[in-house]
Every structure is written in C-alpha cells, then in structure tokens.
C-alpha cells in the first residue's frame, strides 16, 4: 500500500466508494459529507485546500471548472496530491479498476499537481 487516500466529490456516485471499500478494505476513501470529510456544498477551491492539507487525491466528474481551479490553486503556491476526473461514458468497472491500480502501484507523489482522466 502506498498510502494514497481518495476523496470522492458529492457529484460522483457513492457506489464507487462502496465498491472500492469492498475490494480493498485497507483503502482510505471518503466522500464529501462523510464524517471527517468536507461538507456538502463546499466550493471547489476550498476542496482543493482541504485535499492539500489532508493528503487526499480527489475523484470527480468535474471536468469543466476543475482545471481552472487547479491553475489558480497552483498559481497561489499551493499543491494537491492529484485529481482524477472520470471520463464520460466510462464503465463502472474501468473506473474501479483504474482507481485500484493507481492506489496499489503509484508512487505517493506521482500525480502531484495534476489532473488525470480515468480510465487511463
């Protein structure tokens, strides 16, 4: 285990969280509005600050505004462990497979300050 943690945003299906927990019980994964996670309605720039502070990579369907928010976050001298955006029309199985693969084999800083579209 490399220590990667995932935060799934509120617009992404909770089924991803339950499937990942079922397949890899050691994985640290939360969803917005879970206990100890950001609350519903938290703005994207604040989510980026939260994942930076807590060391979580973000899993999101937000392919529209997240690149701009990340550019602004980086321009302010901040960083993120990584952002994984889900490609439209991807199968649930492909998404789960890639998140498991990344969790199992990626180096802890491999996706730092990047947006990566999955499936890879």
C-alpha atoms as a PDB file:
ATOM      1  CA  UNK A   1       0.000   0.000   0.000  1.00  0.00           C
ATOM      2  CA  UNK A   2       1.359   3.404  -0.920  1.00  0.00           C
ATOM      3  CA  UNK A   3      -0.779   5.456   1.436  1.00  0.00           C
ATOM      4  CA  UNK A   4      -2.858   7.156  -1.270  1.00  0.00           C
ATOM      5  CA  UNK A   5      -6.205   8.373   0.070  1.00  0.00           C
ATOM      6  CA  UNK A   6      -9.203   9.275  -2.100  1.00  0.00           C
ATOM      7  CA  UNK A   7     -11.921  11.867  -1.598  1.00  0.00           C
ATOM      8  CA  UNK A   8     -14.926  11.351  -3.869  1.00  0.00           C
ATOM      9  CA  UNK A   9     -16.851  14.547  -4.515  1.00  0.00           C
ATOM     10  CA  UNK A  10     -20.581  14.950  -3.994  1.00  0.00           C
ATOM     11  CA  UNK A  11     -21.419  14.715  -7.715  1.00  0.00           C
ATOM     12  CA  UNK A  12     -19.844  11.288  -8.104  1.00  0.00           C
ATOM     13  CA  UNK A  13     -21.746   8.128  -7.287  1.00  0.00           C
ATOM     14  CA  UNK A  14     -21.343   6.720  -3.796  1.00  0.00           C
ATOM     15  CA  UNK A  15     -21.214   3.260  -5.373  1.00  0.00           C
ATOM     16  CA  UNK A  16     -17.555   3.908  -6.251  1.00  0.00           C
ATOM     17  CA  UNK A  17     -16.774   4.290  -2.561  1.00  0.00           C
ATOM     18  CA  UNK A  18     -18.628   1.147  -1.501  1.00  0.00           C
ATOM     19  CA  UNK A  19     -17.113  -0.951  -4.300  1.00  0.00           C
ATOM     20  CA  UNK A  20     -13.560   0.213  -3.554  1.00  0.00           C
ATOM     21  CA  UNK A  21     -14.057  -0.435   0.170  1.00  0.00           C
ATOM     22  CA  UNK A  22     -15.382  -3.911  -0.614  1.00  0.00           C
ATOM     23  CA  UNK A  23     -12.467  -4.790  -2.901  1.00  0.00           C
ATOM     24  CA  UNK A  24      -9.736  -3.117  -0.840  1.00  0.00           C
ATOM     25  CA  UNK A  25     -10.769  -2.742   2.814  1.00  0.00           C
ATOM     26  CA  UNK A  26      -7.411  -1.113   3.692  1.00  0.00           C
ATOM     27  CA  UNK A  27      -8.025   1.786   1.309  1.00  0.00           C
ATOM     28  CA  UNK A  28      -8.678   5.157   2.916  1.00  0.00           C
ATOM     29  CA  UNK A  29     -11.539   6.646   0.957  1.00  0.00           C
ATOM     30  CA  UNK A  30     -14.208   9.151   1.865  1.00  0.00           C
ATOM     31  CA  UNK A  31     -16.976  11.012   0.172  1.00  0.00           C
ATOM     32  CA  UNK A  32     -17.963  14.619   0.668  1.00  0.00           C
ATOM     33  CA  UNK A  33     -20.302  14.907   3.657  1.00  0.00           C
ATOM     34  CA  UNK A  34     -19.000  11.751   5.362  1.00  0.00           C
ATOM     35  CA  UNK A  35     -17.812  12.156   8.919  1.00  0.00           C
ATOM     36  CA  UNK A  36     -14.428  13.933   8.983  1.00  0.00           C
ATOM     37  CA  UNK A  37     -14.783  14.893   5.293  1.00  0.00           C
ATOM     38  CA  UNK A  38     -15.695  18.238   3.708  1.00  0.00           C
ATOM     39  CA  UNK A  39     -19.368  19.219   3.994  1.00  0.00           C
ATOM     40  CA  UNK A  40     -21.845  19.254   1.113  1.00  0.00           C
ATOM     41  CA  UNK A  41     -21.700  22.457  -0.862  1.00  0.00           C
ATOM     42  CA  UNK A  42     -18.030  23.220  -0.154  1.00  0.00           C
ATOM     43  CA  UNK A  43     -16.690  25.225  -3.093  1.00  0.00           C
ATOM     44  CA  UNK A  44     -14.086  23.640  -5.384  1.00  0.00           C
ATOM     45  CA  UNK A  45     -11.240  25.998  -4.365  1.00  0.00           C
ATOM     46  CA  UNK A  46     -11.883  25.057  -0.720  1.00  0.00           C
ATOM     47  CA  UNK A  47     -11.951  21.351  -1.641  1.00  0.00           C
ATOM     48  CA  UNK A  48      -8.507  21.777  -3.201  1.00  0.00           C
ATOM     49  CA  UNK A  49      -7.209  23.356   0.012  1.00  0.00           C
ATOM     50  CA  UNK A  50      -8.746  20.505   2.012  1.00  0.00           C
ATOM     51  CA  UNK A  51      -7.159  17.743  -0.117  1.00  0.00           C
ATOM     52  CA  UNK A  52      -3.818  19.522   0.070  1.00  0.00           C
ATOM     53  CA  UNK A  53      -3.997  19.782   3.863  1.00  0.00           C
ATOM     54  CA  UNK A  54      -5.283  16.233   4.389  1.00  0.00           C
ATOM     55  CA  UNK A  55      -3.282  14.442   1.673  1.00  0.00           C
ATOM     56  CA  UNK A  56      -6.235  13.063  -0.297  1.00  0.00           C
ATOM     57  CA  UNK A  57      -6.487  12.750  -4.077  1.00  0.00           C
ATOM     58  CA  UNK A  58      -9.789  13.978  -5.462  1.00  0.00           C
ATOM     59  CA  UNK A  59     -12.078  11.784  -7.583  1.00  0.00           C
ATOM     60  CA  UNK A  60     -14.553  13.928  -9.508  1.00  0.00           C
ATOM     61  CA  UNK A  61     -16.728  14.215 -12.582  1.00  0.00           C
ATOM     62  CA  UNK A  62     -15.974  17.966 -12.750  1.00  0.00           C
ATOM     63  CA  UNK A  63     -14.033  18.268 -15.991  1.00  0.00           C
ATOM     64  CA  UNK A  64     -15.356  21.753 -16.723  1.00  0.00           C
ATOM     65  CA  UNK A  65     -14.190  24.090 -13.961  1.00  0.00           C
ATOM     66  CA  UNK A  66     -11.647  21.970 -12.063  1.00  0.00           C
ATOM     67  CA  UNK A  67      -8.743  22.753 -14.455  1.00  0.00           C
ATOM     68  CA  UNK A  68      -9.229  26.494 -13.831  1.00  0.00           C
ATOM     69  CA  UNK A  69      -9.474  25.978 -10.074  1.00  0.00           C
ATOM     70  CA  UNK A  70      -6.301  23.883 -10.103  1.00  0.00           C
ATOM     71  CA  UNK A  71      -4.392  26.514 -12.129  1.00  0.00           C
ATOM     72  CA  UNK A  72      -5.427  29.193  -9.620  1.00  0.00           C
ATOM     73  CA  UNK A  73      -4.512  26.923  -6.686  1.00  0.00           C
ATOM     74  CA  UNK A  74      -1.056  26.237  -8.137  1.00  0.00           C
ATOM     75  CA  UNK A  75      -0.535  29.921  -9.018  1.00  0.00           C
ATOM     76  CA  UNK A  76      -1.099  30.731  -5.336  1.00  0.00           C
ATOM     77  CA  UNK A  77       1.844  28.467  -4.465  1.00  0.00           C
ATOM     78  CA  UNK A  78      -0.319  25.592  -3.304  1.00  0.00           C
ATOM     79  CA  UNK A  79      -0.274  21.923  -4.313  1.00  0.00           C
ATOM     80  CA  UNK A  80      -2.562  18.880  -4.500  1.00  0.00           C
ATOM     81  CA  UNK A  81      -1.799  15.151  -4.283  1.00  0.00           C
ATOM     82  CA  UNK A  82      -3.726  14.628  -7.538  1.00  0.00           C
ATOM     83  CA  UNK A  83      -7.126  14.945  -9.168  1.00  0.00           C
ATOM     84  CA  UNK A  84      -8.758  12.074 -11.027  1.00  0.00           C
ATOM     85  CA  UNK A  85     -11.608  13.082 -13.312  1.00  0.00           C
ATOM     86  CA  UNK A  86     -13.946  10.421 -14.620  1.00  0.00           C
ATOM     87  CA  UNK A  87     -14.325  10.263 -18.385  1.00  0.00           C
ATOM     88  CA  UNK A  88     -17.919  10.466 -19.607  1.00  0.00           C
ATOM     89  CA  UNK A  89     -19.386   7.141 -20.725  1.00  0.00           C
ATOM     90  CA  UNK A  90     -16.748   5.137 -18.855  1.00  0.00           C
ATOM     91  CA  UNK A  91     -17.813   1.832 -17.452  1.00  0.00           C
ATOM     92  CA  UNK A  92     -18.061   1.499 -13.705  1.00  0.00           C
ATOM     93  CA  UNK A  93     -15.660  -1.457 -13.866  1.00  0.00           C
ATOM     94  CA  UNK A  94     -12.989   0.546 -15.721  1.00  0.00           C
ATOM     95  CA  UNK A  95     -13.153   3.341 -13.148  1.00  0.00           C
ATOM     96  CA  UNK A  96     -12.879   0.937 -10.213  1.00  0.00           C
ATOM     97  CA  UNK A  97     -10.029  -0.970 -11.871  1.00  0.00           C
ATOM     98  CA  UNK A  98      -8.002   2.190 -12.518  1.00  0.00           C
ATOM     99  CA  UNK A  99      -8.526   3.625  -9.029  1.00  0.00           C
ATOM    100  CA  UNK A 100      -7.412   0.294  -7.533  1.00  0.00           C
ATOM    101  CA  UNK A 101      -4.400   0.145  -9.841  1.00  0.00           C
ATOM    102  CA  UNK A 102      -3.349   3.706  -9.004  1.00  0.00           C
ATOM    103  CA  UNK A 103      -3.790   3.005  -5.276  1.00  0.00           C
ATOM    104  CA  UNK A 104      -1.712  -0.164  -5.480  1.00  0.00           C
ATOM    105  CA  UNK A 105       1.217   0.863  -7.678  1.00  0.00           C
ATOM    106  CA  UNK A 106       1.540   4.651  -7.955  1.00  0.00           C
ATOM    107  CA  UNK A 107       4.224   6.490  -6.052  1.00  0.00           C
ATOM    108  CA  UNK A 108       2.808   8.859  -3.436  1.00  0.00           C
ATOM    109  CA  UNK A 109       3.755  11.983  -5.433  1.00  0.00           C
ATOM    110  CA  UNK A 110       3.279  10.572  -8.947  1.00  0.00           C
ATOM    111  CA  UNK A 111       0.110  12.587  -9.636  1.00  0.00           C
ATOM    112  CA  UNK A 112       1.050  15.685  -7.629  1.00  0.00           C
ATOM    113  CA  UNK A 113      -0.431  18.888  -9.069  1.00  0.00           C
ATOM    114  CA  UNK A 114      -2.026  17.014 -11.994  1.00  0.00           C
ATOM    115  CA  UNK A 115      -5.455  16.267 -13.338  1.00  0.00           C
ATOM    116  CA  UNK A 116      -5.604  12.768 -14.789  1.00  0.00           C
ATOM    117  CA  UNK A 117      -8.618  11.475 -16.703  1.00  0.00           C
ATOM    118  CA  UNK A 118      -9.651   7.934 -15.918  1.00  0.00           C
ATOM    119  CA  UNK A 119      -9.931   5.342 -17.241  1.00  0.00           C
ATOM    120  CA  UNK A 120      -6.287   5.935 -18.119  1.00  0.00           C
END
